Amino acid sequence: MGMKTVQIRLTEAQLKMIDEKVNEGKYPSRSEAIRDYVRRAELLELFNRFFDLTADKPISDEQLERTREKLWREKYAPKLKQERAAKAEG
């Protein structure tokens, strides 16, 4: 998956938080930290939509776990694998 360069504006507090995570070694760069935060926001959005769609229907913990596993396997694991492969190449 190709990546595009974008310019964003962050508050000093937001940038400080990102830099702290990079300095702690949780991320190799600001860019990777921001990409991870975007992935987490995507996941949160999907869960919010899921809960909106199922708000009037009871769902068991087992059904929720199966849905989470499927979502991870189909949407997030392939992206993570591609990003890791791209990082290893370059």
Protein backbone atom coordinates (compact mmCIF):
# COMPACT_ATOMS: atom_id res chain seq x y z
CA MET A 1 0.00 0.00 0.00
CA GLY A 2 1.56 3.29 -1.09
CA MET A 3 1.72 6.15 1.33
CA LYS A 4 1.02 9.82 0.74
CA THR A 5 2.64 12.72 2.50
CA VAL A 6 0.28 15.11 4.24
CA GLN A 7 0.80 18.16 6.38
CA ILE A 8 -1.02 18.36 9.70
CA ARG A 9 -1.13 20.87 12.51
CA LEU A 10 -0.88 19.69 16.10
CA THR A 11 -0.98 21.53 19.37
CA GLU A 12 2.23 21.66 21.36
CA ALA A 13 0.67 19.27 23.88
CA GLN A 14 -0.19 16.75 21.15
CA LEU A 15 3.29 16.94 19.67
CA LYS A 16 4.84 16.60 23.12
CA MET A 17 2.78 13.46 23.77
CA ILE A 18 3.90 11.94 20.47
CA ASP A 19 7.54 12.84 21.09
CA GLU A 20 7.37 11.27 24.56
CA LYS A 21 6.12 8.00 23.05
CA VAL A 22 8.93 8.09 20.48
CA ASN A 23 11.53 8.87 23.15
CA GLU A 24 10.20 5.99 25.29
CA GLY A 25 10.80 3.69 22.32
CA LYS A 26 7.14 2.86 21.79
CA TYR A 27 7.38 4.15 18.21
CA PRO A 28 10.39 4.55 15.93
CA SER A 29 9.21 7.94 14.64
CA ARG A 30 6.53 10.60 14.86
CA SER A 31 5.08 9.33 11.60
CA GLU A 32 4.67 5.80 12.91
CA ALA A 33 3.05 7.09 16.10
CA ILE A 34 0.57 9.16 14.12
CA ARG A 35 -0.20 6.24 11.77
CA ASP A 36 -0.88 4.04 14.81
CA TYR A 37 -3.20 6.66 16.30
CA VAL A 38 -5.08 6.86 12.99
CA ARG A 39 -5.42 3.05 12.91
CA ARG A 40 -6.80 3.15 16.44
CA ALA A 41 -9.25 5.88 15.47
CA GLU A 42 -10.39 3.75 12.51
CA LEU A 43 -10.97 0.80 14.83
CA LEU A 44 -12.89 2.96 17.30
CA GLU A 45 -15.06 4.27 14.48
CA LEU A 46 -15.81 0.71 13.33
CA PHE A 47 -16.75 -0.31 16.86
CA ASN A 48 -18.99 2.75 17.23
CA ARG A 49 -20.77 1.90 13.98
CA PHE A 50 -21.08 -1.72 15.08
CA PHE A 51 -22.61 -0.73 18.41
CA ASP A 52 -24.98 1.71 16.65
CA LEU A 53 -26.15 -1.09 14.37
CA THR A 54 -26.62 -3.56 17.21
CA ALA A 55 -27.93 -1.16 19.89
CA ASP A 56 -31.40 -2.66 19.82
CA LYS A 57 -30.22 -6.26 19.49
CA PRO A 58 -28.59 -8.14 22.35
CA ILE A 59 -25.17 -9.56 21.51
CA SER A 60 -23.29 -12.16 23.48
CA ASP A 61 -19.66 -11.86 24.52
CA GLU A 62 -18.91 -14.81 22.24
CA GLN A 63 -20.46 -13.05 19.24
CA LEU A 64 -18.56 -9.87 20.05
CA GLU A 65 -15.26 -11.77 20.29
CA ARG A 66 -15.87 -13.55 16.98
CA THR A 67 -16.61 -10.21 15.35
CA ARG A 68 -13.46 -8.65 16.84
CA GLU A 69 -11.33 -11.56 15.61
CA LYS A 70 -12.81 -11.36 12.12
CA LEU A 71 -12.31 -7.61 11.97
CA TRP A 72 -8.69 -7.96 13.05
CA ARG A 73 -7.99 -10.79 10.62
CA GLU A 74 -9.63 -9.14 7.61
CA LYS A 75 -8.91 -5.45 8.11
CA TYR A 76 -6.04 -4.76 10.46
CA ALA A 77 -3.67 -7.72 10.29
CA PRO A 78 -3.11 -7.36 6.52
CA LYS A 79 -2.36 -3.62 6.88
CA LEU A 80 0.09 -4.24 9.69
CA LYS A 81 1.78 -7.01 7.69
CA GLN A 82 2.14 -4.72 4.66
CA GLU A 83 3.56 -1.89 6.75
CA ARG A 84 6.08 -4.19 8.39
CA ALA A 85 7.13 -5.60 5.00
CA ALA A 86 7.53 -2.10 3.57
CA LYS A 87 9.58 -1.04 6.60
CA ALA A 88 11.83 -4.12 6.21
CA GLU A 89 12.42 -3.30 2.52
CA GLY A 90 13.30 0.32 3.06
